[in-house]
Amino acid sequence: MEDKKKDLVFGVNTCTELDEFQIANYLVTFAGGHIVSRFFSSLYQLGIFEQFKDDQPKHYKDIAKIVGCDPECLHNVMKFFLPYKLFKEVSLGTYTKTSTTKLFMKGGKLYNFMDFITSDKNYILHKNFIETLRTGQSKAPEAIGCNNFYESFSDPVWEKSFTNSMEAFNDISFPNILENVDFSPYKTIVDVGGSHGNLIRQLLRKYPSIQKGINFDLPDVIKGKVNEERLEFVSGTFFKSVPRGDCMILKSILHNWKDEDVKVILQNCSNSLEDGGHLYIFDFMVDPQKFNHHVLWIDITMRHFFGAKERSLEEIETLIQGKFKIHKVIKEVYMGCIVLTKI
């Protein structure tokens, strides 16, 4: 019997040899990904997902009337996403939400990612990706007239979109970190580049034995923050110095910086870390022996936006020479966790 498999986009059985359906699948996935993203973002902008917040099935004509769009076009767009389980068609033209729909509704885990990833500015940032590929240098900022990515935050709408997406990522990653990493041995924990202090707050809540938590970030980030019980907000730059503690955290920091900058950050952490103290690096890890589509996507983005990258364990070992030694790798932390001991 002829071997069959299901086409991811069109949901039909296709032969293992290339046929018209598989060719079309490649076309949509590789060449038309930006178009599919526009289909998706239009559903988000029109509030289509929110129409299912009452858990009741809806006919596409009723949805179109409420949001103000063409019903037949909406019907086709919703059908397009059926193979991805973004909706479920319970009867002809009548849809209901799925567990995937819930991810993109207000309060869903991926809701705040959509505005950033599908925004016009993000499209523009990637228009010159070929120049990054040619040169190996960060070219994204040039696409929007900036010298570096951080200058783009002069646009308050864009900055808020970026901040919201990072907070959404934290909402996903924090529970996994808290479940699999034991911070009970420490007295003073410094979250280096800790933004608004959400991680350190959760650590202090879980571990009453921690005497003090320090959230360290740039003055513009810390401005207006008021110290809380056992939690101190300290402003500065990790390129000069960091507060002292017996435990330090670098979460989603090093992958924003080139190797020479990472060495400075690590040296300053080492200078302020108590003897025998630990530094926790939370970054996606590149494993040359394994393929991880998500990690590669983040790595390519870091190269284009910052001229930086995700790193392998071997690359981290090279960068820490003379300052730290690897204590352990906590594989249960899916975003990656390397624990270093100060030498």
C-alpha atoms as a PDB file:
ATOM      1  CA  MET A   1       0.000   0.000   0.000  1.00  0.00           C
ATOM      2  CA  GLU A   2       1.278   3.433  -0.875  1.00  0.00           C
ATOM      3  CA  ASP A   3       2.780   5.282   2.096  1.00  0.00           C
ATOM      4  CA  LYS A   4       0.733   8.330   3.033  1.00  0.00           C
ATOM      5  CA  LYS A   5       1.140  11.263   5.389  1.00  0.00           C
ATOM      6  CA  LYS A   6      -0.950  14.268   6.348  1.00  0.00           C
ATOM      7  CA  ASP A   7      -0.180  17.656   4.911  1.00  0.00           C
ATOM      8  CA  LEU A   8       0.279  20.194   7.720  1.00  0.00           C
ATOM      9  CA  VAL A   9      -1.383  23.086   5.937  1.00  0.00           C
ATOM     10  CA  PHE A  10      -4.092  21.570   3.804  1.00  0.00           C
ATOM     11  CA  GLY A  11      -4.972  18.610   6.005  1.00  0.00           C
ATOM     12  CA  VAL A  12      -5.095  16.101   3.157  1.00  0.00           C
ATOM     13  CA  ASN A  13      -3.290  12.852   2.571  1.00  0.00           C
ATOM     14  CA  THR A  14      -0.304  13.169   0.288  1.00  0.00           C
ATOM     15  CA  CYS A  15       2.243  10.744  -1.094  1.00  0.00           C
ATOM     16  CA  THR A  16       5.766  10.589   0.292  1.00  0.00           C
ATOM     17  CA  GLU A  17       7.040  11.733  -3.092  1.00  0.00           C
ATOM     18  CA  LEU A  18       6.690  15.432  -3.807  1.00  0.00           C
ATOM     19  CA  ASP A  19       3.276  16.180  -5.228  1.00  0.00           C
ATOM     20  CA  GLU A  20       1.269  19.343  -5.729  1.00  0.00           C
ATOM     21  CA  PHE A  21       0.055  19.447  -2.128  1.00  0.00           C
ATOM     22  CA  GLN A  22       3.503  19.151  -0.598  1.00  0.00           C
ATOM     23  CA  ILE A  23       4.889  21.702  -3.020  1.00  0.00           C
ATOM     24  CA  ALA A  24       2.117  24.085  -2.023  1.00  0.00           C
ATOM     25  CA  ASN A  25       2.877  23.370   1.625  1.00  0.00           C
ATOM     26  CA  TYR A  26       6.505  24.412   1.132  1.00  0.00           C
ATOM     27  CA  LEU A  27       5.360  27.526  -0.698  1.00  0.00           C
ATOM     28  CA  VAL A  28       3.035  28.581   2.122  1.00  0.00           C
ATOM     29  CA  THR A  29       5.455  27.697   4.930  1.00  0.00           C
ATOM     30  CA  PHE A  30       8.766  28.957   3.541  1.00  0.00           C
ATOM     31  CA  ALA A  31       7.905  31.685   1.052  1.00  0.00           C
ATOM     32  CA  GLY A  32       4.573  32.793   2.458  1.00  0.00           C
ATOM     33  CA  GLY A  33       5.186  32.768   6.183  1.00  0.00           C
ATOM     34  CA  HIS A  34       4.914  36.556   6.386  1.00  0.00           C
ATOM     35  CA  ILE A  35       1.568  36.384   4.587  1.00  0.00           C
ATOM     36  CA  VAL A  36       0.244  33.735   6.967  1.00  0.00           C
ATOM     37  CA  SER A  37       1.344  35.966   9.833  1.00  0.00           C
ATOM     38  CA  ARG A  38      -0.781  38.764   8.376  1.00  0.00           C
ATOM     39  CA  PHE A  39      -3.764  36.425   8.194  1.00  0.00           C
ATOM     40  CA  PHE A  40      -3.224  35.582  11.842  1.00  0.00           C
ATOM     41  CA  SER A  41      -2.638  39.130  13.086  1.00  0.00           C
ATOM     42  CA  SER A  42      -5.820  40.286  11.342  1.00  0.00           C
ATOM     43  CA  LEU A  43      -7.830  37.828  13.442  1.00  0.00           C
ATOM     44  CA  TYR A  44      -6.140  39.213  16.548  1.00  0.00           C
ATOM     45  CA  GLN A  45      -6.677  42.867  15.590  1.00  0.00           C
ATOM     46  CA  LEU A  46     -10.356  42.315  14.780  1.00  0.00           C
ATOM     47  CA  GLY A  47     -10.916  40.588  18.115  1.00  0.00           C
ATOM     48  CA  ILE A  48     -12.002  37.277  16.572  1.00  0.00           C
ATOM     49  CA  PHE A  49     -10.548  35.199  19.400  1.00  0.00           C
ATOM     50  CA  GLU A  50     -12.453  37.193  22.012  1.00  0.00           C
ATOM     51  CA  GLN A  51     -15.769  36.254  20.401  1.00  0.00           C
ATOM     52  CA  PHE A  52     -15.377  32.815  21.985  1.00  0.00           C
ATOM     53  CA  LYS A  53     -14.887  33.977  25.576  1.00  0.00           C
ATOM     54  CA  ASP A  54     -18.373  32.733  26.496  1.00  0.00           C
ATOM     55  CA  ASP A  55     -17.430  29.198  25.350  1.00  0.00           C
ATOM     56  CA  GLN A  56     -20.355  29.119  22.904  1.00  0.00           C
ATOM     57  CA  PRO A  57     -20.115  28.063  19.224  1.00  0.00           C
ATOM     58  CA  LYS A  58     -20.425  30.946  16.742  1.00  0.00           C
ATOM     59  CA  HIS A  59     -21.367  31.119  13.071  1.00  0.00           C
ATOM     60  CA  TYR A  60     -18.868  33.066  11.006  1.00  0.00           C
ATOM     61  CA  LYS A  61     -21.612  35.406   9.718  1.00  0.00           C
ATOM     62  CA  ASP A  62     -22.536  36.382  13.272  1.00  0.00           C
ATOM     63  CA  ILE A  63     -18.884  36.982  14.147  1.00  0.00           C
ATOM     64  CA  ALA A  64     -18.392  39.085  11.012  1.00  0.00           C
ATOM     65  CA  LYS A  65     -21.389  41.234  11.866  1.00  0.00           C
ATOM     66  CA  ILE A  66     -20.120  41.894  15.398  1.00  0.00           C
ATOM     67  CA  VAL A  67     -16.531  42.800  14.439  1.00  0.00           C
ATOM     68  CA  GLY A  68     -17.390  44.504  11.158  1.00  0.00           C
ATOM     69  CA  CYS A  69     -15.722  42.506   8.398  1.00  0.00           C
ATOM     70  CA  ASP A  70     -16.583  40.599   5.244  1.00  0.00           C
ATOM     71  CA  PRO A  71     -18.179  37.280   6.292  1.00  0.00           C
ATOM     72  CA  GLU A  72     -16.988  35.121   3.395  1.00  0.00           C
ATOM     73  CA  CYS A  73     -13.391  36.313   3.673  1.00  0.00           C
ATOM     74  CA  LEU A  74     -13.483  35.697   7.422  1.00  0.00           C
ATOM     75  CA  HIS A  75     -14.880  32.214   6.827  1.00  0.00           C
ATOM     76  CA  ASN A  76     -11.959  31.352   4.551  1.00  0.00           C
ATOM     77  CA  VAL A  77      -9.355  32.723   6.948  1.00  0.00           C
ATOM     78  CA  MET A  78     -10.808  30.728   9.830  1.00  0.00           C
ATOM     79  CA  LYS A  79     -10.911  27.594   7.667  1.00  0.00           C
ATOM     80  CA  PHE A  80      -7.289  28.181   6.713  1.00  0.00           C
ATOM     81  CA  PHE A  81      -6.271  27.780  10.367  1.00  0.00           C
ATOM     82  CA  LEU A  82      -8.358  24.668  11.062  1.00  0.00           C
ATOM     83  CA  PRO A  83      -5.385  22.277  10.495  1.00  0.00           C
ATOM     84  CA  TYR A  84      -3.494  24.196  13.175  1.00  0.00           C
ATOM     85  CA  LYS A  85      -6.424  23.681  15.572  1.00  0.00           C
ATOM     86  CA  LEU A  86      -6.777  27.421  16.043  1.00  0.00           C
ATOM     87  CA  PHE A  87     -10.537  26.823  15.807  1.00  0.00           C
ATOM     88  CA  LYS A  88     -12.830  23.836  15.513  1.00  0.00           C
ATOM     89  CA  GLU A  89     -15.665  23.736  12.974  1.00  0.00           C
ATOM     90  CA  VAL A  90     -18.473  21.895  14.761  1.00  0.00           C
ATOM     91  CA  SER A  91     -20.848  22.209  11.814  1.00  0.00           C
ATOM     92  CA  LEU A  92     -20.664  23.918   8.444  1.00  0.00           C
ATOM     93  CA  GLY A  93     -19.718  27.550   9.123  1.00  0.00           C
ATOM     94  CA  THR A  94     -20.044  27.240  12.910  1.00  0.00           C
ATOM     95  CA  TYR A  95     -16.864  27.433  14.971  1.00  0.00           C
ATOM     96  CA  THR A  96     -15.874  26.937  18.556  1.00  0.00           C
ATOM     97  CA  LYS A  97     -12.651  27.644  20.419  1.00  0.00           C
ATOM     98  CA  THR A  98      -9.925  25.106  21.175  1.00  0.00           C
ATOM     99  CA  SER A  99      -7.128  24.982  23.713  1.00  0.00           C
ATOM    100  CA  THR A 100      -5.020  26.770  21.072  1.00  0.00           C
ATOM    101  CA  THR A 101      -7.559  29.593  20.746  1.00  0.00           C
ATOM    102  CA  LYS A 102      -7.322  30.157  24.503  1.00  0.00           C
ATOM    103  CA  LEU A 103      -3.584  30.821  24.225  1.00  0.00           C
ATOM    104  CA  PHE A 104      -4.277  33.902  22.096  1.00  0.00           C
ATOM    105  CA  MET A 105      -7.260  35.294  23.992  1.00  0.00           C
ATOM    106  CA  LYS A 106      -6.832  38.074  26.542  1.00  0.00           C
ATOM    107  CA  GLY A 107      -5.198  36.514  29.562  1.00  0.00           C
ATOM    108  CA  GLY A 108      -3.847  33.639  27.464  1.00  0.00           C
ATOM    109  CA  LYS A 109      -0.172  32.725  27.672  1.00  0.00           C
ATOM    110  CA  LEU A 110       0.633  33.953  24.143  1.00  0.00           C
ATOM    111  CA  TYR A 111      -1.657  36.989  23.949  1.00  0.00           C
ATOM    112  CA  ASN A 112       1.031  39.599  24.631  1.00  0.00           C
ATOM    113  CA  PHE A 113       3.438  38.018  22.140  1.00  0.00           C
ATOM    114  CA  MET A 114       1.150  38.678  19.191  1.00  0.00           C
ATOM    115  CA  ASP A 115       1.292  42.463  19.210  1.00  0.00           C
ATOM    116  CA  PHE A 116       5.103  42.419  19.189  1.00  0.00           C
ATOM    117  CA  ILE A 117       5.778  39.590  16.757  1.00  0.00           C
ATOM    118  CA  THR A 118       3.138  40.579  14.184  1.00  0.00           C
ATOM    119  CA  SER A 119       3.705  44.341  14.411  1.00  0.00           C
ATOM    120  CA  ASP A 120       4.651  46.434  11.389  1.00  0.00           C
ATOM    121  CA  LYS A 121       7.932  47.443  13.035  1.00  0.00           C
ATOM    122  CA  ASN A 122       8.956  43.819  13.483  1.00  0.00           C
ATOM    123  CA  TYR A 123       8.347  43.228   9.768  1.00  0.00           C
ATOM    124  CA  ILE A 124      10.448  46.264   8.890  1.00  0.00           C
ATOM    125  CA  LEU A 125      13.235  45.125  11.220  1.00  0.00           C
ATOM    126  CA  HIS A 126      13.546  41.922   9.199  1.00  0.00           C
ATOM    127  CA  LYS A 127      13.486  43.504   5.737  1.00  0.00           C
ATOM    128  CA  ASN A 128      17.287  43.655   5.638  1.00  0.00           C
ATOM    129  CA  PHE A 129      17.998  40.295   7.264  1.00  0.00           C
ATOM    130  CA  ILE A 130      19.972  39.304   4.167  1.00  0.00           C
ATOM    131  CA  GLU A 131      22.580  41.899   5.185  1.00  0.00           C
ATOM    132  CA  THR A 132      22.968  40.233   8.581  1.00  0.00           C
ATOM    133  CA  LEU A 133      23.321  36.910   6.792  1.00  0.00           C
ATOM    134  CA  ARG A 134      25.965  38.335   4.452  1.00  0.00           C
ATOM    135  CA  THR A 135      28.035  40.157   7.041  1.00  0.00           C
ATOM    136  CA  GLY A 136      27.370  38.392  10.334  1.00  0.00           C
ATOM    137  CA  GLN A 137      26.707  41.826  11.836  1.00  0.00           C
ATOM    138  CA  SER A 138      23.499  43.107  13.428  1.00  0.00           C
ATOM    139  CA  LYS A 139      21.641  44.992  10.688  1.00  0.00           C
ATOM    140  CA  ALA A 140      18.106  45.128  12.095  1.00  0.00           C
ATOM    141  CA  PRO A 141      18.498  48.555  13.767  1.00  0.00           C
ATOM    142  CA  GLU A 142      19.560  50.115  10.449  1.00  0.00           C
ATOM    143  CA  ALA A 143      16.229  49.078   8.942  1.00  0.00           C
ATOM    144  CA  ILE A 144      14.431  51.515  11.259  1.00  0.00           C
ATOM    145  CA  GLY A 145      17.104  54.238  11.312  1.00  0.00           C
ATOM    146  CA  CYS A 146      18.677  53.317  14.666  1.00  0.00           C
ATOM    147  CA  ASN A 147      22.279  52.723  15.696  1.00  0.00           C
ATOM    148  CA  ASN A 148      21.304  49.867  18.000  1.00  0.00           C
ATOM    149  CA  PHE A 149      18.171  47.976  18.971  1.00  0.00           C
ATOM    150  CA  TYR A 150      17.704  49.826  22.254  1.00  0.00           C
ATOM    151  CA  GLU A 151      17.290  53.152  20.409  1.00  0.00           C
ATOM    152  CA  SER A 152      14.075  51.738  18.956  1.00  0.00           C
ATOM    153  CA  PHE A 153      12.490  52.110  22.399  1.00  0.00           C
ATOM    154  CA  SER A 154      12.166  55.847  21.756  1.00  0.00           C
ATOM    155  CA  ASP A 155       8.871  54.730  20.231  1.00  0.00           C
ATOM    156  CA  PRO A 156       6.715  54.239  23.381  1.00  0.00           C
ATOM    157  CA  VAL A 157       4.184  51.999  21.614  1.00  0.00           C
ATOM    158  CA  TRP A 158       6.948  49.689  20.402  1.00  0.00           C
ATOM    159  CA  GLU A 159       8.648  49.676  23.814  1.00  0.00           C
ATOM    160  CA  LYS A 160       5.394  48.721  25.539  1.00  0.00           C
ATOM    161  CA  SER A 161       4.789  45.961  22.998  1.00  0.00           C
ATOM    162  CA  PHE A 162       8.300  44.586  23.578  1.00  0.00           C
ATOM    163  CA  THR A 163       7.968  44.838  27.371  1.00  0.00           C
ATOM    164  CA  ASN A 164       4.608  43.071  27.333  1.00  0.00           C
ATOM    165  CA  SER A 165       6.036  40.213  25.261  1.00  0.00           C
ATOM    166  CA  MET A 166       8.956  39.795  27.670  1.00  0.00           C
ATOM    167  CA  GLU A 167       6.578  39.740  30.640  1.00  0.00           C
ATOM    168  CA  ALA A 168       4.501  37.118  28.846  1.00  0.00           C
ATOM    169  CA  PHE A 169       7.631  35.006  28.400  1.00  0.00           C
ATOM    170  CA  ASN A 170       8.403  35.422  32.095  1.00  0.00           C
ATOM    171  CA  ASP A 171       4.906  34.279  33.017  1.00  0.00           C
ATOM    172  CA  ILE A 172       5.652  31.056  31.135  1.00  0.00           C
ATOM    173  CA  SER A 173       9.253  30.530  32.301  1.00  0.00           C
ATOM    174  CA  PHE A 174       9.069  31.545  35.974  1.00  0.00           C
ATOM    175  CA  PRO A 175       6.958  28.588  37.216  1.00  0.00           C
ATOM    176  CA  ASN A 176       9.328  26.150  35.518  1.00  0.00           C
ATOM    177  CA  ILE A 177      12.344  27.833  37.145  1.00  0.00           C
ATOM    178  CA  LEU A 178      10.747  27.930  40.591  1.00  0.00           C
ATOM    179  CA  GLU A 179       9.828  24.263  40.340  1.00  0.00           C
ATOM    180  CA  ASN A 180      13.251  22.999  39.304  1.00  0.00           C
ATOM    181  CA  VAL A 181      15.825  25.312  40.905  1.00  0.00           C
ATOM    182  CA  ASP A 182      16.543  25.353  44.645  1.00  0.00           C
ATOM    183  CA  PHE A 183      17.480  28.813  45.958  1.00  0.00           C
ATOM    184  CA  SER A 184      17.137  27.908  49.651  1.00  0.00           C
ATOM    185  CA  PRO A 185      20.894  27.908  50.453  1.00  0.00           C
ATOM    186  CA  TYR A 186      21.344  31.637  49.756  1.00  0.00           C
ATOM    187  CA  LYS A 187      21.109  34.710  51.954  1.00  0.00           C
ATOM    188  CA  THR A 188      21.410  37.546  49.412  1.00  0.00           C
ATOM    189  CA  ILE A 189      20.269  37.068  45.819  1.00  0.00           C
ATOM    190  CA  VAL A 190      20.973  39.655  43.133  1.00  0.00           C
ATOM    191  CA  ASP A 191      18.894  39.555  39.952  1.00  0.00           C
ATOM    192  CA  VAL A 192      21.221  41.298  37.496  1.00  0.00           C
ATOM    193  CA  GLY A 193      19.133  43.027  34.845  1.00  0.00           C
ATOM    194  CA  GLY A 194      16.001  41.966  36.720  1.00  0.00           C
ATOM    195  CA  SER A 195      13.686  44.553  35.106  1.00  0.00           C
ATOM    196  CA  HIS A 196      10.698  45.205  37.378  1.00  0.00           C
ATOM    197  CA  GLY A 197      11.636  42.597  39.992  1.00  0.00           C
ATOM    198  CA  ASN A 198       8.981  39.975  39.363  1.00  0.00           C
ATOM    199  CA  LEU A 199      11.356  36.995  39.590  1.00  0.00           C
ATOM    200  CA  ILE A 200      13.079  38.129  42.776  1.00  0.00           C
ATOM    201  CA  ARG A 201       9.683  38.807  44.378  1.00  0.00           C
ATOM    202  CA  GLN A 202       8.576  35.254  43.688  1.00  0.00           C
ATOM    203  CA  LEU A 203      11.839  33.863  45.085  1.00  0.00           C
ATOM    204  CA  LEU A 204      11.451  35.858  48.301  1.00  0.00           C
ATOM    205  CA  ARG A 205       7.868  34.677  48.612  1.00  0.00           C
ATOM    206  CA  LYS A 206       8.882  31.026  48.223  1.00  0.00           C
ATOM    207  CA  TYR A 207      12.010  31.184  50.400  1.00  0.00           C
ATOM    208  CA  PRO A 208      11.566  33.064  53.701  1.00  0.00           C
ATOM    209  CA  SER A 209      15.147  32.035  54.523  1.00  0.00           C
ATOM    210  CA  ILE A 210      16.506  34.465  51.913  1.00  0.00           C
ATOM    211  CA  GLN A 211      17.407  37.551  53.932  1.00  0.00           C
ATOM    212  CA  LYS A 212      17.599  39.995  51.060  1.00  0.00           C
ATOM    213  CA  GLY A 213      16.777  40.230  47.376  1.00  0.00           C
ATOM    214  CA  ILE A 214      18.294  42.899  45.152  1.00  0.00           C
ATOM    215  CA  ASN A 215      16.763  43.809  41.823  1.00  0.00           C
ATOM    216  CA  PHE A 216      19.475  45.531  39.775  1.00  0.00           C
ATOM    217  CA  ASP A 217      18.805  47.339  36.496  1.00  0.00           C
ATOM    218  CA  LEU A 218      19.311  50.599  34.636  1.00  0.00           C
ATOM    219  CA  PRO A 219      18.185  53.873  36.265  1.00  0.00           C
ATOM    220  CA  ASP A 220      15.352  54.348  33.747  1.00  0.00           C
ATOM    221  CA  VAL A 221      14.009  50.883  34.650  1.00  0.00           C
ATOM    222  CA  ILE A 222      14.359  51.294  38.434  1.00  0.00           C
ATOM    223  CA  LYS A 223      13.066  54.883  38.486  1.00  0.00           C
ATOM    224  CA  GLY A 224      10.052  55.228  40.753  1.00  0.00           C
ATOM    225  CA  LYS A 225      10.438  51.775  42.323  1.00  0.00           C
ATOM    226  CA  VAL A 226      10.019  51.686  46.110  1.00  0.00           C
ATOM    227  CA  ASN A 227      11.915  49.203  48.247  1.00  0.00           C
ATOM    228  CA  GLU A 228       9.776  46.440  49.728  1.00  0.00           C
ATOM    229  CA  GLU A 229      10.230  44.103  52.671  1.00  0.00           C
ATOM    230  CA  ARG A 230      13.485  42.170  52.009  1.00  0.00           C
ATOM    231  CA  LEU A 231      13.563  43.581  48.456  1.00  0.00           C
ATOM    232  CA  GLU A 232      15.845  46.428  47.410  1.00  0.00           C
ATOM    233  CA  PHE A 233      15.883  48.140  44.011  1.00  0.00           C
ATOM    234  CA  VAL A 234      19.346  49.259  42.944  1.00  0.00           C
ATOM    235  CA  SER A 235      20.163  51.164  39.751  1.00  0.00           C
ATOM    236  CA  GLY A 236      23.353  50.976  37.755  1.00  0.00           C
ATOM    237  CA  THR A 237      24.931  49.188  34.799  1.00  0.00           C
ATOM    238  CA  PHE A 238      26.467  45.738  34.847  1.00  0.00           C
ATOM    239  CA  PHE A 239      29.247  47.062  32.630  1.00  0.00           C
ATOM    240  CA  LYS A 240      30.639  48.906  35.658  1.00  0.00           C
ATOM    241  CA  SER A 241      29.666  46.925  38.751  1.00  0.00           C
ATOM    242  CA  VAL A 242      26.862  44.923  40.366  1.00  0.00           C
ATOM    243  CA  PRO A 243      25.677  44.688  43.993  1.00  0.00           C
ATOM    244  CA  ARG A 244      27.227  42.104  46.286  1.00  0.00           C
ATOM    245  CA  GLY A 245      25.557  38.771  47.093  1.00  0.00           C
ATOM    246  CA  ASP A 246      26.144  35.047  47.504  1.00  0.00           C
ATOM    247  CA  CYS A 247      23.879  34.251  44.545  1.00  0.00           C
ATOM    248  CA  MET A 248      23.401  36.075  41.259  1.00  0.00           C
ATOM    249  CA  ILE A 249      20.971  35.580  38.408  1.00  0.00           C
ATOM    250  CA  LEU A 250      21.451  36.489  34.744  1.00  0.00           C
ATOM    251  CA  LYS A 251      18.182  35.673  33.017  1.00  0.00           C
ATOM    252  CA  SER A 252      17.874  36.422  29.298  1.00  0.00           C
ATOM    253  CA  ILE A 253      20.841  38.791  29.540  1.00  0.00           C
ATOM    254  CA  LEU A 254      23.968  37.272  28.021  1.00  0.00           C
ATOM    255  CA  HIS A 255      22.281  36.310  24.746  1.00  0.00           C
ATOM    256  CA  ASN A 256      21.829  40.060  24.072  1.00  0.00           C
ATOM    257  CA  TRP A 257      25.554  40.741  24.046  1.00  0.00           C
ATOM    258  CA  LYS A 258      28.673  39.923  22.046  1.00  0.00           C
ATOM    259  CA  ASP A 259      31.422  37.799  23.586  1.00  0.00           C
ATOM    260  CA  GLU A 260      33.624  40.743  24.577  1.00  0.00           C
ATOM    261  CA  ASP A 261      30.689  42.357  26.411  1.00  0.00           C
ATOM    262  CA  VAL A 262      29.745  39.070  28.087  1.00  0.00           C
ATOM    263  CA  LYS A 263      33.270  38.791  29.487  1.00  0.00           C
ATOM    264  CA  VAL A 264      32.909  42.221  31.133  1.00  0.00           C
ATOM    265  CA  ILE A 265      29.506  41.305  32.615  1.00  0.00           C
ATOM    266  CA  LEU A 266      30.853  38.030  33.977  1.00  0.00           C
ATOM    267  CA  GLN A 267      33.937  39.727  35.427  1.00  0.00           C
ATOM    268  CA  ASN A 268      31.801  42.283  37.266  1.00  0.00           C
ATOM    269  CA  CYS A 269      29.569  39.520  38.601  1.00  0.00           C
ATOM    270  CA  SER A 270      32.627  37.635  39.777  1.00  0.00           C
ATOM    271  CA  ASN A 271      33.992  40.752  41.502  1.00  0.00           C
ATOM    272  CA  SER A 272      30.827  41.106  43.605  1.00  0.00           C
ATOM    273  CA  LEU A 273      29.960  37.459  44.186  1.00  0.00           C
ATOM    274  CA  GLU A 274      30.860  36.011  47.569  1.00  0.00           C
ATOM    275  CA  ASP A 275      33.587  33.341  47.534  1.00  0.00           C
ATOM    276  CA  GLY A 276      32.015  30.009  46.675  1.00  0.00           C
ATOM    277  CA  GLY A 277      28.828  31.773  45.555  1.00  0.00           C
ATOM    278  CA  HIS A 278      26.814  30.719  42.530  1.00  0.00           C
ATOM    279  CA  LEU A 279      25.833  32.495  39.329  1.00  0.00           C
ATOM    280  CA  TYR A 280      22.725  31.184  37.545  1.00  0.00           C
ATOM    281  CA  ILE A 281      22.614  31.792  33.784  1.00  0.00           C
ATOM    282  CA  PHE A 282      19.178  31.341  32.276  1.00  0.00           C
ATOM    283  CA  ASP A 283      19.501  31.374  28.488  1.00  0.00           C
ATOM    284  CA  PHE A 284      18.537  28.993  25.715  1.00  0.00           C
ATOM    285  CA  MET A 285      21.393  26.588  25.096  1.00  0.00           C
ATOM    286  CA  VAL A 286      22.567  25.509  21.669  1.00  0.00           C
ATOM    287  CA  ASP A 287      23.292  21.807  21.500  1.00  0.00           C
ATOM    288  CA  PRO A 288      25.307  20.994  18.341  1.00  0.00           C
ATOM    289  CA  GLN A 289      24.125  17.375  18.590  1.00  0.00           C
ATOM    290  CA  LYS A 290      20.423  18.172  18.704  1.00  0.00           C
ATOM    291  CA  PHE A 291      18.042  20.192  16.549  1.00  0.00           C
ATOM    292  CA  ASN A 292      15.762  22.609  18.384  1.00  0.00           C
ATOM    293  CA  HIS A 293      13.695  24.769  16.050  1.00  0.00           C
ATOM    294  CA  HIS A 294      12.741  27.294  18.737  1.00  0.00           C
ATOM    295  CA  VAL A 295      16.307  27.798  19.979  1.00  0.00           C
ATOM    296  CA  LEU A 296      17.528  28.336  16.421  1.00  0.00           C
ATOM    297  CA  TRP A 297      14.802  30.927  15.839  1.00  0.00           C
ATOM    298  CA  ILE A 298      15.834  32.833  18.973  1.00  0.00           C
ATOM    299  CA  ASP A 299      19.507  32.532  18.056  1.00  0.00           C
ATOM    300  CA  ILE A 300      18.981  33.982  14.578  1.00  0.00           C
ATOM    301  CA  THR A 301      16.882  36.803  16.058  1.00  0.00           C
ATOM    302  CA  MET A 302      19.621  37.657  18.573  1.00  0.00           C
ATOM    303  CA  ARG A 303      22.171  37.817  15.768  1.00  0.00           C
ATOM    304  CA  HIS A 304      19.969  40.112  13.682  1.00  0.00           C
ATOM    305  CA  PHE A 305      18.806  42.411  16.506  1.00  0.00           C
ATOM    306  CA  PHE A 306      21.909  42.566  18.713  1.00  0.00           C
ATOM    307  CA  GLY A 307      24.834  40.929  16.909  1.00  0.00           C
ATOM    308  CA  ALA A 308      24.750  38.379  19.737  1.00  0.00           C
ATOM    309  CA  LYS A 309      23.646  34.738  19.975  1.00  0.00           C
ATOM    310  CA  GLU A 310      22.532  31.791  22.061  1.00  0.00           C
ATOM    311  CA  ARG A 311      25.527  29.784  23.220  1.00  0.00           C
ATOM    312  CA  SER A 312      26.557  26.205  23.738  1.00  0.00           C
ATOM    313  CA  LEU A 313      27.938  24.873  27.006  1.00  0.00           C
ATOM    314  CA  GLU A 314      31.394  24.794  25.440  1.00  0.00           C
ATOM    315  CA  GLU A 315      31.153  28.470  24.477  1.00  0.00           C
ATOM    316  CA  ILE A 316      30.144  29.396  28.018  1.00  0.00           C
ATOM    317  CA  GLU A 317      33.115  27.415  29.348  1.00  0.00           C
ATOM    318  CA  THR A 318      35.431  29.505  27.175  1.00  0.00           C
ATOM    319  CA  LEU A 319      33.936  32.792  28.377  1.00  0.00           C
ATOM    320  CA  ILE A 320      34.150  31.974  32.111  1.00  0.00           C
ATOM    321  CA  GLN A 321      37.801  30.905  32.173  1.00  0.00           C
ATOM    322  CA  GLY A 322      39.624  32.358  35.179  1.00  0.00           C
ATOM    323  CA  LYS A 323      36.426  33.558  36.838  1.00  0.00           C
ATOM    324  CA  PHE A 324      34.076  30.618  37.305  1.00  0.00           C
ATOM    325  CA  LYS A 325      33.782  26.903  36.877  1.00  0.00           C
ATOM    326  CA  ILE A 326      30.654  25.033  35.838  1.00  0.00           C
ATOM    327  CA  HIS A 327      28.859  23.641  38.875  1.00  0.00           C
ATOM    328  CA  LYS A 328      25.980  21.948  37.058  1.00  0.00           C
ATOM    329  CA  VAL A 329      23.435  22.191  34.263  1.00  0.00           C
ATOM    330  CA  ILE A 330      19.783  21.948  35.285  1.00  0.00           C
ATOM    331  CA  LYS A 331      18.208  20.248  32.311  1.00  0.00           C
ATOM    332  CA  GLU A 332      14.680  20.428  33.730  1.00  0.00           C
ATOM    333  CA  VAL A 333      14.692  24.180  33.090  1.00  0.00           C
ATOM    334  CA  TYR A 334      13.541  24.228  29.505  1.00  0.00           C
ATOM    335  CA  MET A 335      14.904  27.691  28.691  1.00  0.00           C
ATOM    336  CA  GLY A 336      18.334  26.522  29.834  1.00  0.00           C
ATOM    337  CA  CYS A 337      20.115  26.880  33.175  1.00  0.00           C
ATOM    338  CA  ILE A 338      23.861  26.763  33.784  1.00  0.00           C
ATOM    339  CA  VAL A 339      25.044  27.150  37.381  1.00  0.00           C
ATOM    340  CA  LEU A 340      28.536  28.559  37.856  1.00  0.00           C
ATOM    341  CA  THR A 341      30.699  28.572  40.986  1.00  0.00           C
ATOM    342  CA  LYS A 342      33.072  31.458  41.607  1.00  0.00           C
ATOM    343  CA  ILE A 343      36.672  30.328  41.585  1.00  0.00           C
END
